[in-house]
N, C-alpha and C. Protein backbone atom coordinates (compact mmCIF):
# COMPACT_ATOMS: atom_id res chain seq x y z
N UNK A 1 -2.46 69.72 61.35
CA UNK A 1 -3.30 68.85 60.51
C UNK A 1 -3.01 69.81 58.81
N UNK A 2 -2.85 69.19 57.93
CA UNK A 2 -2.73 69.84 56.81
C UNK A 2 -3.91 69.17 55.70
N UNK A 3 -4.43 69.92 54.46
CA UNK A 3 -5.41 69.80 53.83
C UNK A 3 -5.56 68.21 53.00
N UNK A 4 -4.43 67.42 53.12
CA UNK A 4 -4.30 65.87 52.52
C UNK A 4 -4.48 65.18 53.44
N UNK A 5 -4.84 65.46 55.02
CA UNK A 5 -4.35 64.34 55.99
C UNK A 5 -6.45 63.91 55.90
N UNK A 6 -6.53 62.63 56.33
CA UNK A 6 -7.54 61.80 56.36
C UNK A 6 -8.79 62.38 57.19
N UNK A 7 -8.52 63.02 58.43
CA UNK A 7 -9.78 63.67 58.99
C UNK A 7 -10.57 64.55 58.39
N UNK A 8 -9.85 65.25 57.49
CA UNK A 8 -10.30 66.46 57.02
C UNK A 8 -11.36 65.99 55.66
N UNK A 9 -10.95 64.63 54.81
CA UNK A 9 -11.72 64.44 53.53
C UNK A 9 -12.24 63.29 54.04
N UNK A 10 -13.37 62.82 53.30
CA UNK A 10 -13.84 61.15 53.43
C UNK A 10 -12.71 60.47 52.26
N UNK A 11 -12.91 59.34 52.42
CA UNK A 11 -11.95 58.24 51.41
C UNK A 11 -12.65 58.69 50.13
N UNK A 12 -13.92 58.87 49.82
CA UNK A 12 -14.24 58.99 48.41
C UNK A 12 -13.47 60.40 47.85
N UNK A 13 -13.39 61.58 48.74
CA UNK A 13 -12.70 62.68 48.57
C UNK A 13 -11.16 62.69 48.19
N UNK A 14 -10.80 61.88 49.30
CA UNK A 14 -9.28 61.66 48.85
C UNK A 14 -9.01 61.07 47.84
N UNK A 15 -9.64 59.79 47.23
CA UNK A 15 -9.73 59.01 46.16
C UNK A 15 -9.95 59.99 44.96
N UNK A 16 -11.09 60.93 44.71
CA UNK A 16 -10.90 61.93 43.80
C UNK A 16 -10.03 62.99 43.70
N UNK A 17 -9.58 63.23 44.66
CA UNK A 17 -8.37 64.03 44.71
C UNK A 17 -7.32 63.55 44.03
N UNK A 18 -6.93 62.42 44.42
CA UNK A 18 -5.33 61.37 44.15
C UNK A 18 -6.00 61.58 42.58
N UNK A 19 -6.94 61.14 42.01
CA UNK A 19 -7.18 60.54 40.75
C UNK A 19 -6.99 61.83 40.03
N UNK A 20 -7.49 63.21 40.39
CA UNK A 20 -7.17 64.45 39.78
C UNK A 20 -5.33 64.81 39.98
N UNK A 21 -4.92 64.32 40.91
CA UNK A 21 -3.75 64.92 41.15
C UNK A 21 -2.83 64.13 40.28
N UNK A 22 -3.14 62.63 39.94
CA UNK A 22 -2.56 62.15 38.99
C UNK A 22 -2.68 62.35 37.61
N UNK A 23 -3.70 62.78 37.28
CA UNK A 23 -4.00 63.18 35.98
C UNK A 23 -2.81 64.64 35.82
N UNK A 24 -3.20 65.28 36.96
CA UNK A 24 -2.48 66.61 36.63
C UNK A 24 -0.73 66.37 36.47
N UNK A 25 -0.33 65.62 37.61
CA UNK A 25 1.20 64.90 37.21
C UNK A 25 1.35 64.68 36.01
N UNK A 26 0.46 63.44 35.45
CA UNK A 26 0.82 63.20 34.05
C UNK A 26 0.89 64.24 33.43
N UNK A 27 -0.20 65.11 33.18
CA UNK A 27 -0.15 66.58 32.10
C UNK A 27 1.28 67.15 32.25
N UNK A 28 1.72 67.25 33.88
CA UNK A 28 2.87 68.50 33.85
C UNK A 28 4.21 67.73 33.42
N UNK A 29 4.12 66.26 33.70
CA UNK A 29 5.03 65.52 33.03
C UNK A 29 5.40 65.35 31.31
N UNK A 30 4.27 64.96 30.71
CA UNK A 30 4.37 65.26 29.44
C UNK A 30 4.72 66.58 28.94
N UNK A 31 4.29 67.77 29.72
CA UNK A 31 4.51 68.94 28.98
C UNK A 31 6.11 69.46 29.40
N UNK A 32 6.29 68.87 30.78
CA UNK A 32 7.77 69.41 30.87
C UNK A 32 8.79 68.60 30.08
N UNK A 33 8.39 67.44 29.53
CA UNK A 33 9.24 66.50 28.70
C UNK A 33 9.34 66.81 27.16
N UNK A 34 8.10 67.25 26.93
CA UNK A 34 8.07 68.11 25.82
C UNK A 34 8.85 69.33 25.63
N UNK A 35 8.87 69.99 26.56
CA UNK A 35 9.21 71.38 26.42
C UNK A 35 10.97 71.05 26.31
N UNK A 36 11.55 69.85 27.17
CA UNK A 36 12.85 69.60 27.34
C UNK A 36 12.91 68.94 25.78
N UNK A 37 12.66 68.18 25.31
CA UNK A 37 12.69 67.72 24.05
C UNK A 37 12.83 68.85 22.62
N UNK A 38 11.77 69.59 22.66
CA UNK A 38 11.92 70.74 21.62
C UNK A 38 12.97 71.43 22.12
N UNK A 39 13.42 71.92 23.13
CA UNK A 39 14.90 72.41 23.40
C UNK A 39 15.93 71.76 22.87
N UNK A 40 15.88 70.67 22.87
CA UNK A 40 16.79 69.78 22.10
C UNK A 40 16.82 69.66 20.81
N UNK A 41 15.65 69.81 20.14
CA UNK A 41 15.52 69.39 18.69
C UNK A 41 14.87 67.83 18.59
N UNK A 42 14.49 67.27 19.53
CA UNK A 42 13.88 65.87 19.67
C UNK A 42 12.56 65.92 20.11
N UNK A 43 12.30 64.63 19.98
CA UNK A 43 10.50 64.43 20.35
C UNK A 43 10.58 63.83 21.65
N UNK A 44 9.58 63.93 22.21
CA UNK A 44 9.35 63.12 23.61
C UNK A 44 9.56 61.93 23.72
N UNK A 45 9.41 60.86 22.81
CA UNK A 45 9.93 59.77 22.34
C UNK A 45 11.25 59.53 22.52
N UNK A 46 12.10 60.40 21.57
CA UNK A 46 13.66 60.45 21.99
C UNK A 46 14.16 60.53 23.01
N UNK A 47 13.57 61.78 23.74
CA UNK A 47 14.28 61.97 25.15
C UNK A 47 14.13 60.79 26.19
N UNK A 48 12.94 60.14 26.02
CA UNK A 48 12.86 58.90 27.15
C UNK A 48 13.54 57.98 26.58
N UNK A 49 13.84 57.56 25.60
CA UNK A 49 14.72 56.49 25.11
C UNK A 49 15.90 56.83 25.26
N UNK A 50 16.57 57.77 25.41
CA UNK A 50 18.10 58.62 25.85
C UNK A 50 17.82 58.41 27.42
N UNK A 51 16.77 58.61 28.00
CA UNK A 51 16.63 58.33 29.73
C UNK A 51 16.83 56.98 29.97
N UNK A 52 16.04 56.03 29.22
CA UNK A 52 16.27 54.60 29.29
C UNK A 52 17.57 54.35 29.20
N UNK A 53 18.13 54.70 28.07
CA UNK A 53 19.81 54.45 28.09
C UNK A 53 20.74 54.92 29.20
N UNK A 54 20.33 55.85 29.74
CA UNK A 54 21.00 56.52 30.75
C UNK A 54 20.92 55.48 32.36
N UNK A 55 19.67 55.32 32.37
CA UNK A 55 19.58 54.66 33.23
C UNK A 55 19.85 52.89 33.58
N UNK A 56 19.70 52.39 32.05
CA UNK A 56 20.14 50.69 32.12
C UNK A 56 21.46 50.78 31.32
N UNK A 57 22.03 51.83 30.75
CA UNK A 57 23.32 51.54 30.10
C UNK A 57 23.09 51.06 28.69
N UNK A 58 24.09 50.36 28.22
CA UNK A 58 24.19 50.07 26.34
C UNK A 58 22.94 49.10 26.78
N UNK A 59 22.03 48.96 25.60
CA UNK A 59 21.46 47.99 25.11
C UNK A 59 20.93 47.60 24.07
N UNK A 60 20.69 46.18 23.57
CA UNK A 60 20.35 46.27 22.41
C UNK A 60 19.07 46.86 21.77
N UNK A 61 18.84 46.58 20.57
CA UNK A 61 17.47 47.25 19.94
C UNK A 61 16.39 46.54 20.67
N UNK A 62 16.37 45.05 20.58
CA UNK A 62 15.37 44.52 21.36
C UNK A 62 15.34 44.77 22.75
N UNK A 63 16.46 44.86 23.63
CA UNK A 63 16.23 45.36 25.06
C UNK A 63 15.75 46.78 25.11
N UNK A 64 15.94 47.75 24.30
CA UNK A 64 15.12 49.01 23.99
C UNK A 64 13.63 48.98 24.00
N UNK A 65 13.59 48.12 22.69
CA UNK A 65 12.04 47.68 22.51
C UNK A 65 11.47 47.49 23.79
N UNK A 66 11.72 46.47 24.61
CA UNK A 66 11.36 45.88 25.47
C UNK A 66 11.09 47.01 26.74
N UNK A 67 11.89 47.57 26.81
CA UNK A 67 12.09 48.82 27.97
C UNK A 67 11.58 49.77 27.77
N UNK A 68 11.04 50.12 26.62
CA UNK A 68 10.18 51.42 25.94
C UNK A 68 8.74 50.91 25.79
N UNK A 69 8.60 49.44 25.13
CA UNK A 69 7.47 49.13 24.77
C UNK A 69 7.29 49.46 23.49
N UNK A 70 8.18 50.22 23.03
CA UNK A 70 7.96 50.69 21.50
C UNK A 70 8.45 49.18 20.54
N UNK A 71 7.73 48.84 19.48
CA UNK A 71 8.06 48.06 18.59
C UNK A 71 9.41 48.02 17.75
N UNK A 72 10.42 46.94 17.74
CA UNK A 72 11.10 46.80 16.87
C UNK A 72 11.57 47.59 15.57
N UNK A 73 10.50 47.53 14.70
CA UNK A 73 11.03 48.54 13.60
C UNK A 73 10.79 49.88 13.99
N UNK A 74 10.12 50.10 15.39
CA UNK A 74 10.12 51.75 15.17
C UNK A 74 11.52 52.17 16.25
N UNK A 75 12.44 51.18 16.73
CA UNK A 75 13.45 51.32 17.89
C UNK A 75 14.61 51.83 16.61
N UNK A 76 14.46 51.05 15.25
CA UNK A 76 15.43 51.04 14.20
C UNK A 76 15.53 52.73 13.75
N UNK A 77 14.24 53.20 13.52
CA UNK A 77 14.07 54.37 13.19
C UNK A 77 14.66 55.22 14.17
N UNK A 78 14.26 55.19 15.22
CA UNK A 78 14.37 56.06 16.55
C UNK A 78 15.97 56.02 16.89
N UNK A 79 16.66 55.07 16.95
CA UNK A 79 18.17 54.86 17.11
C UNK A 79 18.89 55.58 15.86
N UNK A 80 18.23 55.77 14.39
CA UNK A 80 18.84 56.13 13.18
C UNK A 80 18.67 57.76 13.48
N UNK A 81 17.51 58.40 14.13
CA UNK A 81 17.62 59.70 14.42
C UNK A 81 18.47 60.20 15.09
N UNK A 82 18.28 59.43 16.55
CA UNK A 82 19.05 59.69 17.64
C UNK A 82 20.64 59.71 16.98
N UNK A 83 21.34 58.76 16.48
CA UNK A 83 22.36 58.52 15.88
C UNK A 83 22.67 59.72 15.21
N UNK A 84 22.00 60.04 14.35
CA UNK A 84 22.24 61.22 13.34
C UNK A 84 22.29 62.74 14.07
N UNK A 85 21.57 62.70 15.13
CA UNK A 85 21.63 63.85 16.13
C UNK A 85 22.78 64.21 16.84
N UNK A 86 23.10 62.94 17.30
CA UNK A 86 24.65 62.89 17.93
C UNK A 86 24.36 62.26 19.48
N UNK A 87 23.27 61.91 19.81
CA UNK A 87 22.73 61.51 21.14
C UNK A 87 22.75 59.89 21.65
N UNK A 88 23.08 59.06 20.60
CA UNK A 88 23.56 57.77 20.83
C UNK A 88 24.40 57.13 19.77
N UNK A 89 24.99 56.21 20.16
CA UNK A 89 25.83 55.38 18.87
C UNK A 89 25.77 53.79 19.06
N UNK A 90 26.10 53.37 17.92
CA UNK A 90 25.89 51.97 17.81
C UNK A 90 27.17 51.62 18.34
N UNK A 91 27.47 50.39 19.15
CA UNK A 91 28.79 49.95 19.46
C UNK A 91 28.85 48.28 19.60
N UNK A 92 29.90 47.58 19.07
CA UNK A 92 29.90 46.24 19.12
C UNK A 92 29.49 45.56 20.56
N UNK A 93 28.76 44.73 20.98
CA UNK A 93 28.55 44.08 22.33
C UNK A 93 30.14 43.61 22.82
N UNK A 94 30.86 43.77 23.84
CA UNK A 94 31.65 43.41 24.34
C UNK A 94 31.62 42.07 24.45
N UNK A 95 30.84 41.25 24.68
CA UNK A 95 30.81 39.97 25.13
C UNK A 95 30.37 38.90 23.54
N UNK A 96 29.72 39.58 22.62
CA UNK A 96 29.66 39.16 21.44
C UNK A 96 29.38 40.21 20.43
N UNK A 97 30.84 39.85 19.82
CA UNK A 97 30.96 40.90 18.78
C UNK A 97 29.90 41.05 17.51
N UNK A 98 29.24 39.86 17.31
CA UNK A 98 28.21 40.10 16.35
C UNK A 98 26.77 40.79 16.72
N UNK A 99 26.91 41.11 17.68
CA UNK A 99 25.63 41.86 18.56
C UNK A 99 26.06 43.47 18.84
N UNK A 100 25.11 44.10 18.52
CA UNK A 100 25.15 45.53 18.52
C UNK A 100 24.53 46.16 19.51
N UNK A 101 25.02 47.15 20.48
CA UNK A 101 24.24 47.67 21.54
C UNK A 101 24.23 49.05 21.16
N UNK A 102 23.22 49.96 21.68
CA UNK A 102 23.08 51.17 21.76
C UNK A 102 23.45 51.76 23.00
N UNK A 103 23.94 52.94 22.59
CA UNK A 103 24.38 53.47 24.10
C UNK A 103 24.23 55.16 23.85
N UNK A 104 23.93 55.83 24.68
CA UNK A 104 23.96 57.27 24.65
C UNK A 104 25.49 57.84 24.93
N UNK A 105 25.54 58.90 24.21
CA UNK A 105 26.68 59.75 24.30
C UNK A 105 26.97 60.38 25.29
N UNK A 106 28.01 60.42 25.74
CA UNK A 106 28.59 61.67 27.16
C UNK A 106 28.01 63.18 26.69
N UNK A 107 28.15 63.31 25.38
CA UNK A 107 27.73 64.57 25.33
C UNK A 107 26.29 65.13 25.09
N UNK A 108 25.15 63.89 24.92
CA UNK A 108 23.76 64.27 24.99
C UNK A 108 23.43 64.38 26.50
N UNK A 109 23.95 63.65 27.34
CA UNK A 109 23.99 63.80 28.85
C UNK A 109 24.10 65.18 28.93
N UNK A 110 25.74 65.84 29.10
CA UNK A 110 26.11 66.65 29.21
C UNK A 110 25.00 68.06 28.43
N UNK A 111 24.52 67.64 27.50
CA UNK A 111 23.77 68.75 26.72
C UNK A 111 22.24 68.59 27.54
N UNK A 112 21.87 67.85 27.88
CA UNK A 112 20.46 67.51 28.65
C UNK A 112 20.93 67.99 30.28
N UNK A 113 21.54 67.66 30.93
CA UNK A 113 21.85 67.97 32.29
C UNK A 113 21.29 69.22 33.07
N UNK A 114 21.98 70.22 32.09
CA UNK A 114 21.55 71.72 32.57
C UNK A 114 20.18 71.98 32.66
N UNK A 115 19.43 71.47 31.43
CA UNK A 115 17.86 71.67 31.48
C UNK A 115 17.12 70.81 32.55
N UNK A 116 17.53 70.08 33.24
CA UNK A 116 16.92 69.39 34.59
C UNK A 116 17.29 69.97 36.14
N UNK A 117 18.51 71.09 35.90
CA UNK A 117 19.02 71.54 37.18
C UNK A 117 17.92 71.88 38.04
N UNK A 118 16.90 73.31 37.43
CA UNK A 118 16.03 73.46 38.10
C UNK A 118 15.15 72.76 38.76
N UNK A 119 14.75 71.56 38.09
CA UNK A 119 13.71 70.67 38.54
C UNK A 119 14.32 69.99 39.44
N UNK A 120 15.44 69.56 39.23
CA UNK A 120 16.16 68.77 40.17
C UNK A 120 16.45 69.32 41.85
N UNK A 121 16.55 70.89 41.92
CA UNK A 121 16.59 71.41 42.84
C UNK A 121 15.43 71.47 43.42
N UNK A 122 14.39 71.86 42.88
CA UNK A 122 13.15 71.78 43.46
C UNK A 122 12.72 70.55 44.08
N UNK A 123 12.67 69.23 43.46
CA UNK A 123 12.59 68.03 44.06
C UNK A 123 13.13 67.70 45.10
N UNK A 124 14.48 67.83 45.17
CA UNK A 124 15.60 67.83 46.35
C UNK A 124 14.91 68.61 47.42
N UNK A 125 14.44 70.10 47.26
CA UNK A 125 13.70 70.86 48.52
C UNK A 125 12.84 69.95 48.96
N UNK A 126 11.92 69.52 47.97
CA UNK A 126 10.56 68.92 48.16
C UNK A 126 10.83 67.72 49.27
N UNK A 127 11.82 66.69 48.88
CA UNK A 127 12.28 65.62 49.76
C UNK A 127 12.48 66.00 51.09
N UNK A 128 13.04 66.93 51.12
CA UNK A 128 13.19 67.50 52.60
C UNK A 128 12.07 67.82 53.54
N UNK A 129 10.94 67.95 52.85
CA UNK A 129 9.79 68.07 53.79
C UNK A 129 8.96 66.87 54.17
N UNK A 130 9.77 65.70 53.51
CA UNK A 130 9.07 64.37 54.15
C UNK A 130 10.01 63.58 55.07
N UNK A 131 9.32 62.82 55.74
CA UNK A 131 10.14 62.15 56.62
C UNK A 131 10.51 60.76 55.80
N UNK A 132 11.56 59.85 56.46
CA UNK A 132 12.04 58.65 55.35
C UNK A 132 10.63 57.82 55.51
N UNK A 133 10.06 57.55 56.37
CA UNK A 133 9.12 56.58 56.42
C UNK A 133 7.77 57.15 55.11
N UNK A 134 7.74 58.19 55.18
CA UNK A 134 6.56 59.19 53.98
C UNK A 134 7.18 58.96 52.64
N UNK A 135 8.77 59.05 52.81
CA UNK A 135 9.37 58.80 51.40
C UNK A 135 9.05 57.44 50.88
N UNK A 136 9.24 56.27 51.97
CA UNK A 136 9.08 55.03 51.75
C UNK A 136 8.00 54.73 50.95
N UNK A 137 6.89 55.55 51.67
CA UNK A 137 5.04 55.62 51.31
C UNK A 137 5.22 55.65 49.87
N UNK A 138 5.67 56.63 49.48
CA UNK A 138 5.31 57.60 48.53
C UNK A 138 6.45 56.39 47.07
N UNK A 139 7.70 56.38 47.16
CA UNK A 139 8.24 55.46 46.89
C UNK A 139 7.52 54.02 46.55
N UNK A 140 6.93 53.21 47.53
CA UNK A 140 5.92 52.19 47.01
C UNK A 140 4.74 52.37 46.06
N UNK A 141 3.79 53.70 46.46
CA UNK A 141 3.05 53.93 45.82
C UNK A 141 3.44 54.50 44.16
N UNK A 142 4.68 54.91 43.89
CA UNK A 142 5.02 55.59 42.52
C UNK A 142 5.68 54.35 41.95
N UNK A 143 6.50 53.33 42.66
CA UNK A 143 6.79 51.90 42.01
C UNK A 143 5.49 51.30 41.57
N UNK A 144 4.62 50.81 42.51
CA UNK A 144 3.11 50.32 41.95
C UNK A 144 2.49 50.89 40.98
N UNK A 145 2.32 52.11 40.95
CA UNK A 145 1.41 52.61 39.92
C UNK A 145 1.86 52.69 38.31
N UNK A 146 3.66 52.92 38.82
CA UNK A 146 4.09 53.10 37.23
C UNK A 146 3.99 51.49 36.73
N UNK A 147 4.01 50.27 37.50
CA UNK A 147 3.71 48.91 37.18
C UNK A 147 2.45 48.75 36.64
N UNK A 148 1.57 49.32 37.25
CA UNK A 148 -0.17 49.48 36.83
C UNK A 148 -0.15 49.82 35.14
N UNK A 149 0.59 51.01 35.26
CA UNK A 149 0.31 51.84 33.96
C UNK A 149 0.95 50.97 32.93
N UNK A 150 2.15 50.24 33.08
CA UNK A 150 3.09 49.35 32.59
C UNK A 150 2.05 48.21 31.96
N UNK A 151 1.33 48.02 32.91
CA UNK A 151 0.37 46.74 32.63
C UNK A 151 -0.79 47.28 31.62
N UNK A 152 -1.19 48.24 32.30
CA UNK A 152 -2.45 48.71 31.37
C UNK A 152 -1.95 49.03 29.89
N UNK A 153 -0.76 49.67 29.91
CA UNK A 153 -0.56 49.76 28.39
C UNK A 153 -0.11 48.46 27.53
N UNK A 154 0.47 47.50 28.32
CA UNK A 154 0.58 46.22 27.38
C UNK A 154 -0.76 45.60 26.96
N UNK A 155 -1.90 45.75 27.95
CA UNK A 155 -3.48 45.32 27.88
C UNK A 155 -3.72 46.21 26.46
N UNK A 156 -3.58 47.44 26.62
CA UNK A 156 -4.02 48.46 25.45
C UNK A 156 -3.49 48.03 24.02
N UNK A 157 -2.25 47.46 23.96
CA UNK A 157 -1.40 46.91 22.61
C UNK A 157 -1.99 45.45 22.42
N UNK A 158 -2.27 44.72 23.42
CA UNK A 158 -2.90 43.49 22.94
C UNK A 158 -4.17 43.70 22.47
N UNK A 159 -4.96 44.24 22.84
CA UNK A 159 -6.17 44.67 22.80
C UNK A 159 -6.01 45.62 21.00
N UNK A 160 -5.17 45.93 20.83
CA UNK A 160 -4.98 46.94 19.52
C UNK A 160 -3.74 46.96 18.93
N UNK A 161 -3.72 45.65 18.26
CA UNK A 161 -2.12 45.32 17.83
C UNK A 161 -1.85 46.05 16.73
N UNK A 162 -2.66 46.93 15.80
CA UNK A 162 -2.23 47.74 15.16
C UNK A 162 -1.70 48.87 15.58
N UNK A 163 -1.79 49.11 16.80
CA UNK A 163 -0.91 50.27 17.47
C UNK A 163 0.06 49.97 17.88
N UNK A 164 1.21 50.07 17.14
CA UNK A 164 2.85 49.65 17.85
C UNK A 164 3.76 50.66 18.71
N UNK A 165 3.25 52.22 17.97
CA UNK A 165 4.28 53.17 18.63
C UNK A 165 3.85 54.35 18.25
N UNK A 166 4.13 55.44 19.05
CA UNK A 166 3.72 56.90 18.19
C UNK A 166 4.73 57.01 17.40
N UNK A 167 3.88 57.87 16.30
CA UNK A 167 4.42 58.21 15.28
C UNK A 167 5.65 58.92 15.35
N UNK A 168 6.74 59.04 14.59
CA UNK A 168 7.88 60.00 15.16
C UNK A 168 7.24 61.29 14.66
N UNK A 169 7.59 62.28 15.14
CA UNK A 169 7.31 63.92 14.72
C UNK A 169 7.34 64.29 13.02
N UNK A 170 6.70 64.99 12.51
CA UNK A 170 6.62 65.06 11.41
C UNK A 170 8.19 65.53 10.56
N UNK A 171 8.81 66.29 11.43
CA UNK A 171 10.30 66.96 10.67
C UNK A 171 11.16 65.74 10.98
N UNK A 172 11.10 64.62 11.29
CA UNK A 172 12.14 63.76 11.69
C UNK A 172 11.90 62.50 10.79
N UNK A 173 13.00 62.17 10.05
CA UNK A 173 12.71 61.06 8.83
C UNK A 173 12.95 59.68 9.83
N UNK A 174 12.21 59.06 9.46
CA UNK A 174 11.67 57.29 9.90
C UNK A 174 12.88 56.60 9.58
N UNK A 175 13.71 56.74 8.73
CA UNK A 175 15.00 55.92 8.40
C UNK A 175 16.42 56.08 9.12
């Protein structure tokens, strides 16, 4: 039996530890992505936008705004900065030449991939310590907590409409 199994801890203790672990995970993720961003001369928001494009393919500015939660005017500046830095490009939509899609460049992924290699190896090794059933539970939890956090973000933005997006880094032009 390990330190995380229920018989050793009460539900209240498990929930308290889970809350703490979630906060620690959040901090570690922010610090990791901030470090990655800094190594690439990007902001954390810029790296996450590139990640969204990597996972979902080319998107319109509106689609990118919807997937990131950023306001459309913020997306325009973000895309301009990323395009200037060589991480994305604007391309004509193949199904409607009047629309523009934003896609990440292959060079962007190639530049970032080595920075993730160590972490990816560590995660792969960690996955091996769990059964398929345990991984399914972890996946369910992560999927649901992500949905809850997105909903909480939407609620915050609805309650505070003047907050539309994090500001760009001080050294990045907004146009």
